[in-house]
Amino acid sequence: MTGTVEDTIAAVWRIESGRINGSIARIVRDVGLAEELAQDALVAALERWPRDGVPDRPGAWLLTTARNGAFDLLRRDRSLRDKLQQIGLDLAAQEALTVPDFVDDLDAKQRDVLKDDLLRLMFTACHPVLSLDARLALTLKLLGGLATGEIARAFLVPESTMAQRIVRAKRTLGEAKVPFELPPPAELGERLGAVLEAVYLIFNEGYTATAGADWMRPALVDEALRLGRILAELAPHEPEVHGLVALMELQASRMAARLDADRRPVLLLDQDRARWDGVLVRRGLAALERAARIKGPAGSYVLQAEIAACHARAHRAELTDWRRIAALYGELAVVQPSPVIELNRAVAVGMADGPAAGLALADRLLEDGRLDGYHWLPSVRGDLLFKLGRRAEARAEFERAAALTANAAERELLLARVSDAADA
């Protein structure tokens, strides 16, 4: 097979797999079975496209092939056929539905059907019956189009472990008889929160990896951005969806500046802001404006995006509006009480009102105990102590933070701070 055809198939699959899985799941009402049928279509493409050429509408070809497989299975399998009748779907009507390419030539009705399929798939993959790890893995598999090996590498587990996790997740959905449908209105808010949480956790793992040698994993950041943008199209009237997209776009804009020429981490205040991605900044600010136009109190993602926007609007670090950021963290602490948010507020207060004020807040968290084992607490305390001239205490905090982190790049950064404190 030529590399060009391989690359084309991989690119098409990455883009279209979520839509294909969603469309087939609507027919067979089983997420696991839908994925198998979609994978069969992918295998058919791998066999035929190198020989016959890439079709003019590759996404439509994959979907048609997967749908034909689904209809053949329904004809052969009486239990599935009965299920189809029970849920009131008309096979003839399904077969008559045209399958245009996903981007071009969609009429309004077809767009609505496609959006509903994707939205159902998102809510199914993030159903609360699944553990958080299972939601993340299934979301990347069904909606991100990632291979099991790619997901395993991203989360630093063996491929066999990740494969078992995905199989168990699909089995759990089947055993729990989770319907392939949108949740009732009373559950929509809670379930949407689970979807947003899964996408943002994927983004965070890519933006600052919890373990391993690399500080960032750009592939995961890209997948989270893509899922967030899809979700914004599917749920355009939900401010928190636009808030999450804005937050991820604005944070992702800094990625090129987060490593120096030697691939060492560069903290926010030391970054060359000329290297920030202006396109992502503009996209993020536009998403934040869309969220602001929707009436209602600001949620946690909108508030976090507002904080990120304060940094994005400051062309130099010294122009950052730290009082505004501290106030936003105060609002965020009310909406989503969390010791991590309080720690971020301590940083902002330390910048706005001086390191002593920030240290007082950080010390409360030390006494609280909920952040024991969280390496950013001693890291923040070390920075504030360093600014106050208490270098020996700062060095001890940086050493403790370095011992707690599982990420090699972060450890190197913290050990450099140990050396700075010792030299001073």
Protein backbone atom coordinates (compact mmCIF):
# COMPACT_ATOMS: atom_id res chain seq x y z
CA MET A 1 0.00 0.00 0.00
CA THR A 2 1.32 3.44 -0.81
CA GLY A 3 1.96 5.86 1.98
CA THR A 4 -0.36 8.39 0.31
CA VAL A 5 -3.39 6.08 0.43
CA GLU A 6 -2.55 5.03 3.98
CA ASP A 7 -2.34 8.66 5.05
CA THR A 8 -5.63 9.47 3.31
CA ILE A 9 -7.46 6.60 4.99
CA ALA A 10 -6.04 7.56 8.40
CA ALA A 11 -7.05 11.20 7.94
CA VAL A 12 -10.56 10.37 6.73
CA TRP A 13 -11.08 7.89 9.55
CA ARG A 14 -9.90 10.34 12.20
CA ILE A 15 -12.34 12.96 10.95
CA GLU A 16 -15.36 10.80 10.15
CA SER A 17 -15.23 7.87 12.59
CA GLY A 18 -17.35 9.57 15.24
CA ARG A 19 -20.10 10.39 12.75
CA ILE A 20 -19.99 6.87 11.32
CA ASN A 21 -20.15 5.25 14.76
CA GLY A 22 -23.05 7.51 15.70
CA SER A 23 -25.02 6.81 12.52
CA ILE A 24 -24.59 3.05 12.81
CA ALA A 25 -25.38 3.05 16.54
CA ARG A 26 -28.70 4.73 15.70
CA ILE A 27 -29.53 1.77 13.43
CA VAL A 28 -28.39 -1.16 15.61
CA ARG A 29 -28.89 0.53 19.01
CA ASP A 30 -25.62 -0.97 20.31
CA VAL A 31 -22.43 1.08 20.60
CA GLY A 32 -20.11 -1.93 20.63
CA LEU A 33 -21.73 -3.50 17.59
CA ALA A 34 -21.73 -0.16 15.79
CA GLU A 35 -18.00 0.17 16.29
CA GLU A 36 -17.42 -3.35 14.93
CA LEU A 37 -19.40 -2.52 11.79
CA ALA A 38 -17.55 0.75 11.37
CA GLN A 39 -14.24 -1.08 11.74
CA ASP A 40 -15.37 -3.57 9.07
CA ALA A 41 -15.89 -0.62 6.72
CA LEU A 42 -12.41 0.65 7.56
CA VAL A 43 -10.91 -2.75 6.77
CA ALA A 44 -12.79 -2.76 3.45
CA ALA A 45 -11.30 0.65 2.63
CA LEU A 46 -7.81 -0.61 3.45
CA GLU A 47 -8.36 -3.50 1.05
CA ARG A 48 -10.08 -1.70 -1.82
CA TRP A 49 -8.86 1.89 -1.99
CA PRO A 50 -5.23 1.05 -2.81
CA ARG A 51 -6.52 -1.08 -5.70
CA ASP A 52 -9.52 0.95 -6.90
CA GLY A 53 -8.46 4.45 -5.86
CA VAL A 54 -9.79 6.78 -3.17
CA PRO A 55 -13.51 7.53 -3.77
CA ASP A 56 -14.63 11.06 -4.53
CA ARG A 57 -16.56 11.13 -1.25
CA PRO A 58 -14.55 8.92 1.11
CA GLY A 59 -16.64 9.67 4.20
CA ALA A 60 -19.84 8.75 2.40
CA TRP A 61 -18.21 5.55 1.09
CA LEU A 62 -17.28 4.45 4.62
CA LEU A 63 -20.71 5.25 6.00
CA THR A 64 -22.51 3.49 3.14
CA THR A 65 -20.35 0.40 3.60
CA ALA A 66 -20.94 0.35 7.35
CA ARG A 67 -24.69 0.89 6.91
CA ASN A 68 -24.93 -1.92 4.36
CA GLY A 69 -23.22 -4.20 6.86
CA ALA A 70 -25.69 -3.10 9.54
CA PHE A 71 -28.71 -3.78 7.32
CA ASP A 72 -27.35 -7.20 6.29
CA LEU A 73 -26.91 -8.07 9.95
CA LEU A 74 -30.43 -6.89 10.77
CA ARG A 75 -31.88 -9.07 8.04
CA ARG A 76 -30.02 -12.13 9.34
CA ASP A 77 -30.46 -11.55 13.06
CA ARG A 78 -34.03 -11.89 14.23
CA SER A 79 -33.34 -10.45 17.70
CA LEU A 80 -31.83 -7.32 16.20
CA ARG A 81 -34.70 -7.07 13.74
CA ASP A 82 -37.16 -7.30 16.61
CA LYS A 83 -35.24 -4.62 18.45
CA LEU A 84 -35.48 -2.40 15.38
CA GLN A 85 -39.25 -2.89 15.25
CA GLN A 86 -39.61 -2.26 18.97
CA ILE A 87 -37.97 1.14 18.78
CA GLY A 88 -40.18 2.11 15.87
CA LEU A 89 -37.52 2.46 13.20
CA ASP A 90 -38.49 1.72 9.63
CA LEU A 91 -35.75 -0.21 7.81
CA ALA A 92 -37.03 0.81 4.39
CA ALA A 93 -36.96 4.46 5.38
CA GLN A 94 -33.46 4.06 6.73
CA GLU A 95 -32.28 2.48 3.48
CA ALA A 96 -33.94 5.21 1.44
CA LEU A 97 -32.07 7.93 3.34
CA THR A 98 -29.37 9.33 1.08
CA VAL A 99 -25.82 9.36 2.37
CA PRO A 100 -24.12 12.57 1.16
CA ASP A 101 -20.58 13.45 2.10
CA PHE A 102 -20.46 14.78 5.65
CA VAL A 103 -19.37 18.29 4.84
CA ASP A 104 -20.96 18.91 1.45
CA ASP A 105 -24.54 18.72 0.17
CA LEU A 106 -26.30 18.17 3.50
CA ASP A 107 -29.83 19.51 3.73
CA ALA A 108 -31.20 20.77 7.04
CA LYS A 109 -32.93 17.50 7.94
CA GLN A 110 -29.81 15.44 7.29
CA ARG A 111 -27.69 17.85 9.31
CA ASP A 112 -30.10 17.52 12.23
CA VAL A 113 -29.99 13.72 12.02
CA LEU A 114 -26.20 13.74 11.91
CA LYS A 115 -25.95 16.12 14.86
CA ASP A 116 -28.36 14.02 16.90
CA ASP A 117 -26.32 10.88 16.18
CA LEU A 118 -23.07 12.50 17.34
CA LEU A 119 -24.68 14.02 20.40
CA ARG A 120 -26.22 10.66 21.37
CA LEU A 121 -22.83 9.00 20.92
CA MET A 122 -21.14 11.57 23.14
CA PHE A 123 -23.71 11.16 25.90
CA THR A 124 -23.53 7.36 25.62
CA ALA A 125 -19.72 7.25 25.75
CA CYS A 126 -19.79 9.50 28.83
CA HIS A 127 -22.68 7.77 30.61
CA PRO A 128 -22.28 7.87 34.42
CA VAL A 129 -22.54 4.07 34.60
CA LEU A 130 -18.92 4.07 33.34
CA SER A 131 -15.86 4.96 35.39
CA LEU A 132 -14.01 8.12 34.47
CA ASP A 133 -11.13 6.17 32.90
CA ALA A 134 -13.61 4.18 30.81
CA ARG A 135 -15.36 7.35 29.62
CA LEU A 136 -12.07 8.86 28.50
CA ALA A 137 -10.96 5.73 26.66
CA LEU A 138 -14.33 5.18 24.97
CA THR A 139 -14.61 8.84 23.96
CA LEU A 140 -11.21 8.75 22.26
CA LYS A 141 -12.04 5.43 20.61
CA LEU A 142 -15.55 6.18 19.33
CA LEU A 143 -15.36 9.93 18.74
CA GLY A 144 -11.67 10.63 18.34
CA GLY A 145 -10.96 7.83 15.90
CA LEU A 146 -7.79 6.85 17.76
CA ALA A 147 -6.48 3.31 17.60
CA THR A 148 -6.28 1.39 20.87
CA GLY A 149 -2.48 1.54 20.78
CA GLU A 150 -2.55 5.34 20.39
CA ILE A 151 -4.86 5.70 23.40
CA ALA A 152 -2.68 3.36 25.44
CA ARG A 153 0.46 5.35 24.62
CA ALA A 154 -1.29 8.59 25.50
CA PHE A 155 -2.16 7.33 29.00
CA LEU A 156 1.05 5.35 29.52
CA VAL A 157 -0.57 1.93 29.91
CA PRO A 158 0.02 -1.28 27.94
CA GLU A 159 -2.13 -1.69 24.84
CA SER A 160 -3.63 -4.88 26.26
CA THR A 161 -4.74 -2.98 29.37
CA MET A 162 -6.38 -0.27 27.30
CA ALA A 163 -8.05 -2.84 25.05
CA GLN A 164 -9.56 -4.56 28.10
CA ARG A 165 -10.71 -1.20 29.46
CA ILE A 166 -12.52 -0.37 26.22
CA VAL A 167 -14.08 -3.84 25.96
CA ARG A 168 -15.29 -3.63 29.57
CA ALA A 169 -16.76 -0.18 28.92
CA LYS A 170 -18.77 -1.40 25.94
CA ARG A 171 -19.86 -4.50 27.87
CA THR A 172 -20.96 -2.33 30.80
CA LEU A 173 -23.10 -0.17 28.52
CA GLY A 174 -24.69 -3.31 27.06
CA GLU A 175 -25.34 -4.98 30.40
CA ALA A 176 -26.79 -1.78 31.84
CA LYS A 177 -29.02 -1.51 28.75
CA VAL A 178 -28.00 2.11 28.30
CA PRO A 179 -30.27 3.45 25.54
CA PHE A 180 -28.70 5.17 22.54
CA GLU A 181 -30.61 8.39 23.08
CA LEU A 182 -30.31 11.83 24.56
CA PRO A 183 -30.96 11.97 28.31
CA PRO A 184 -34.28 13.34 29.53
CA PRO A 185 -34.34 17.10 30.23
CA ALA A 186 -34.03 16.57 33.99
CA GLU A 187 -30.70 14.76 33.50
CA LEU A 188 -29.34 16.81 30.61
CA GLY A 189 -27.33 19.29 32.67
CA GLU A 190 -25.61 16.63 34.77
CA ARG A 191 -24.87 14.42 31.77
CA LEU A 192 -23.57 17.35 29.72
CA GLY A 193 -21.22 18.10 32.59
CA ALA A 194 -19.82 14.56 32.33
CA VAL A 195 -19.21 15.01 28.59
CA LEU A 196 -17.45 18.34 29.10
CA GLU A 197 -15.40 16.89 31.95
CA ALA A 198 -14.21 14.00 29.78
CA VAL A 199 -13.15 16.32 26.95
CA TYR A 200 -11.34 18.69 29.32
CA LEU A 201 -9.53 15.87 31.10
CA ILE A 202 -8.28 14.63 27.73
CA PHE A 203 -7.10 18.17 26.99
CA ASN A 204 -5.36 18.53 30.35
CA GLU A 205 -3.53 15.23 29.94
CA GLY A 206 -2.23 16.54 26.64
CA TYR A 207 -1.46 20.05 27.88
CA THR A 208 0.44 18.97 31.01
CA ALA A 209 1.03 15.23 31.14
CA THR A 210 0.65 13.65 34.57
CA ALA A 211 3.57 11.27 34.01
CA GLY A 212 6.29 10.32 31.58
CA ALA A 213 9.17 12.11 29.92
CA ASP A 214 7.19 14.67 27.87
CA TRP A 215 5.61 17.74 29.41
CA MET A 216 2.96 17.92 26.68
CA ARG A 217 1.22 15.47 24.35
CA PRO A 218 0.00 17.57 21.42
CA ALA A 219 -2.04 14.76 19.83
CA LEU A 220 -4.35 14.65 22.86
CA VAL A 221 -4.69 18.44 22.83
CA ASP A 222 -5.69 18.30 19.15
CA GLU A 223 -8.27 15.57 19.80
CA ALA A 224 -9.82 17.47 22.71
CA LEU A 225 -10.02 20.65 20.61
CA ARG A 226 -11.69 18.73 17.79
CA LEU A 227 -14.22 17.12 20.15
CA GLY A 228 -14.94 20.47 21.78
CA ARG A 229 -15.55 22.16 18.44
CA ILE A 230 -17.89 19.35 17.38
CA LEU A 231 -19.78 19.66 20.65
CA ALA A 232 -20.12 23.43 20.16
CA GLU A 233 -21.79 22.76 16.81
CA LEU A 234 -24.09 20.17 18.33
CA ALA A 235 -25.11 22.20 21.38
CA PRO A 236 -24.85 25.85 20.23
CA HIS A 237 -27.12 27.20 22.97
CA GLU A 238 -25.12 25.85 25.92
CA PRO A 239 -22.75 28.56 27.27
CA GLU A 240 -20.53 26.08 29.10
CA VAL A 241 -19.78 24.28 25.83
CA HIS A 242 -18.52 27.52 24.28
CA GLY A 243 -16.72 28.30 27.53
CA LEU A 244 -14.84 25.01 27.39
CA VAL A 245 -13.91 25.56 23.74
CA ALA A 246 -12.69 29.07 24.56
CA LEU A 247 -10.64 27.80 27.49
CA MET A 248 -8.98 25.06 25.45
CA GLU A 249 -8.28 27.33 22.45
CA LEU A 250 -6.70 30.00 24.64
CA GLN A 251 -4.58 27.56 26.59
CA ALA A 252 -3.52 25.68 23.46
CA SER A 253 -2.39 28.98 21.91
CA ARG A 254 0.58 28.99 24.32
CA MET A 255 1.94 25.55 23.47
CA ALA A 256 4.74 26.66 21.14
CA ALA A 257 6.08 28.94 23.90
CA ARG A 258 5.88 26.37 26.70
CA LEU A 259 9.20 24.73 25.79
CA ASP A 260 12.56 26.40 25.17
CA ALA A 261 15.10 25.47 22.49
CA ASP A 262 16.34 22.61 24.67
CA ARG A 263 12.77 21.25 25.17
CA ARG A 264 12.69 22.40 28.78
CA PRO A 265 9.42 23.75 30.27
CA VAL A 266 8.88 27.52 30.30
CA LEU A 267 6.38 28.86 32.85
CA LEU A 268 3.63 31.29 31.84
CA LEU A 269 5.26 34.52 33.04
CA ASP A 270 8.54 33.67 31.31
CA GLN A 271 7.04 32.77 27.92
CA ASP A 272 7.72 34.71 24.73
CA ARG A 273 4.18 35.83 23.97
CA ALA A 274 5.08 36.58 20.36
CA ARG A 275 5.17 32.79 19.95
CA TRP A 276 1.56 32.39 21.10
CA ASP A 277 -0.72 31.28 18.27
CA GLY A 278 -2.76 34.32 17.26
CA VAL A 279 -5.32 32.27 15.35
CA LEU A 280 -6.12 30.16 18.43
CA VAL A 281 -6.27 33.30 20.59
CA ARG A 282 -8.82 34.87 18.23
CA ARG A 283 -10.83 31.65 18.08
CA GLY A 284 -10.84 31.42 21.85
CA LEU A 285 -11.94 35.00 22.37
CA ALA A 286 -14.69 34.54 19.75
CA ALA A 287 -15.95 31.41 21.55
CA LEU A 288 -15.97 33.35 24.81
CA GLU A 289 -18.05 36.07 23.18
CA ARG A 290 -20.54 33.44 21.99
CA ALA A 291 -20.84 32.14 25.55
CA ALA A 292 -21.38 35.68 26.87
CA ARG A 293 -24.27 36.28 24.45
CA ILE A 294 -26.21 33.40 26.01
CA LYS A 295 -28.13 34.62 29.04
CA GLY A 296 -27.51 33.08 32.44
CA PRO A 297 -24.91 32.99 35.22
CA ALA A 298 -21.35 32.16 34.22
CA GLY A 299 -20.38 28.54 34.82
CA SER A 300 -16.99 27.11 35.69
CA TYR A 301 -15.68 26.76 32.12
CA VAL A 302 -16.77 30.28 31.16
CA LEU A 303 -15.04 31.69 34.26
CA GLN A 304 -11.85 29.72 33.54
CA ALA A 305 -11.96 30.97 29.96
CA GLU A 306 -12.29 34.55 31.25
CA ILE A 307 -9.13 33.98 33.29
CA ALA A 308 -7.30 32.61 30.25
CA ALA A 309 -8.51 35.62 28.26
CA CYS A 310 -6.93 37.98 30.81
CA HIS A 311 -3.57 36.38 30.00
CA ALA A 312 -4.25 36.36 26.25
CA ARG A 313 -5.07 40.07 26.17
CA ALA A 314 -1.84 41.01 27.99
CA HIS A 315 0.87 41.36 25.35
CA ARG A 316 3.50 41.44 28.08
CA ALA A 317 3.42 39.56 31.38
CA GLU A 318 3.65 42.76 33.43
CA LEU A 319 0.41 44.02 31.81
CA THR A 320 -1.63 41.11 33.22
CA ASP A 321 -4.68 42.22 35.20
CA TRP A 322 -4.01 40.10 38.28
CA ARG A 323 -6.73 41.75 40.37
CA ARG A 324 -9.31 40.77 37.78
CA ILE A 325 -7.91 37.23 37.72
CA ALA A 326 -8.00 36.98 41.52
CA ALA A 327 -11.62 38.16 41.49
CA LEU A 328 -12.54 35.60 38.82
CA TYR A 329 -10.96 32.83 40.89
CA GLY A 330 -13.08 34.03 43.79
CA GLU A 331 -16.22 33.64 41.65
CA LEU A 332 -15.01 30.26 40.41
CA ALA A 333 -14.50 29.06 44.00
CA VAL A 334 -18.19 29.77 44.67
CA VAL A 335 -19.39 27.98 41.52
CA GLN A 336 -17.02 25.03 41.86
CA PRO A 337 -15.48 24.82 45.35
CA SER A 338 -12.08 23.16 45.10
CA PRO A 339 -8.75 23.39 46.91
CA VAL A 340 -7.01 23.48 43.52
CA ILE A 341 -8.98 26.58 42.58
CA GLU A 342 -8.06 28.13 45.93
CA LEU A 343 -4.41 27.37 45.18
CA ASN A 344 -4.69 29.18 41.85
CA ARG A 345 -6.36 32.08 43.64
CA ALA A 346 -3.40 32.19 46.03
CA VAL A 347 -1.09 32.62 43.04
CA ALA A 348 -3.22 35.44 41.63
CA VAL A 349 -3.50 37.18 45.00
CA GLY A 350 0.26 36.85 45.40
CA MET A 351 0.73 38.66 42.10
CA ALA A 352 -1.91 41.32 42.84
CA ASP A 353 -1.30 42.01 46.54
CA GLY A 354 2.19 40.67 47.14
CA PRO A 355 3.70 37.28 47.99
CA ALA A 356 2.85 37.53 51.69
CA ALA A 357 -0.89 37.72 50.92
CA GLY A 358 -0.62 34.79 48.53
CA LEU A 359 1.38 32.72 51.02
CA ALA A 360 -1.27 33.24 53.69
CA LEU A 361 -3.85 31.61 51.41
CA ALA A 362 -1.47 28.80 50.44
CA ASP A 363 -0.71 28.10 54.11
CA ARG A 364 -4.40 27.58 54.79
CA LEU A 365 -4.43 24.89 52.14
CA LEU A 366 -1.38 23.30 53.75
CA GLU A 367 -3.25 23.10 57.05
CA ASP A 368 -6.39 21.87 55.27
CA GLY A 369 -4.61 18.71 54.12
CA ARG A 370 -6.72 18.00 51.03
CA LEU A 371 -3.77 18.79 48.73
CA ASP A 372 -1.32 16.50 50.49
CA GLY A 373 0.57 14.75 47.71
CA TYR A 374 -0.32 17.43 45.11
CA HIS A 375 3.02 18.73 43.88
CA TRP A 376 1.74 22.14 42.85
CA LEU A 377 1.08 23.17 46.47
CA PRO A 378 4.75 23.00 47.60
CA SER A 379 5.71 24.44 44.20
CA VAL A 380 3.52 27.51 44.72
CA ARG A 381 4.62 27.89 48.34
CA GLY A 382 8.25 27.61 47.23
CA ASP A 383 7.79 30.40 44.68
CA LEU A 384 6.10 32.71 47.20
CA LEU A 385 8.73 31.98 49.86
CA PHE A 386 11.48 32.66 47.31
CA LYS A 387 9.97 36.06 46.51
CA LEU A 388 9.86 36.84 50.23
CA GLY A 389 13.58 36.08 50.54
CA ARG A 390 13.02 32.95 52.63
CA ARG A 391 15.33 30.91 50.40
CA ALA A 392 16.04 27.92 52.64
CA GLU A 393 12.31 27.29 53.12
CA ALA A 394 11.74 27.79 49.41
CA ARG A 395 14.41 25.24 48.56
CA ALA A 396 12.80 22.65 50.83
CA GLU A 397 9.41 23.22 49.19
CA PHE A 398 10.84 22.87 45.67
CA GLU A 399 12.56 19.64 46.71
CA ARG A 400 9.29 18.29 48.09
CA ALA A 401 7.43 19.25 44.90
CA ALA A 402 10.09 17.57 42.72
CA ALA A 403 9.75 14.37 44.75
CA LEU A 404 5.96 14.36 44.30
CA THR A 405 5.69 14.85 40.54
CA ALA A 406 5.63 11.87 38.16
CA ASN A 407 6.50 13.98 35.12
CA ALA A 408 10.20 14.09 34.23
CA ALA A 409 10.06 17.54 32.60
CA GLU A 410 8.31 19.06 35.61
CA ARG A 411 10.81 17.42 37.94
CA GLU A 412 13.68 18.96 35.99
CA LEU A 413 12.04 22.38 36.21
CA LEU A 414 11.53 22.08 39.97
CA LEU A 415 15.09 20.88 40.56
CA ALA A 416 16.28 23.97 38.68
CA ARG A 417 14.31 26.05 41.18
CA VAL A 418 16.06 24.14 43.97
CA SER A 419 19.38 25.22 42.52
CA ASP A 420 18.21 28.81 42.17
CA ALA A 421 17.21 28.90 45.82
CA ALA A 422 20.51 27.37 46.89
CA ASP A 423 22.56 29.84 44.81
CA ALA A 424 20.63 32.80 46.15
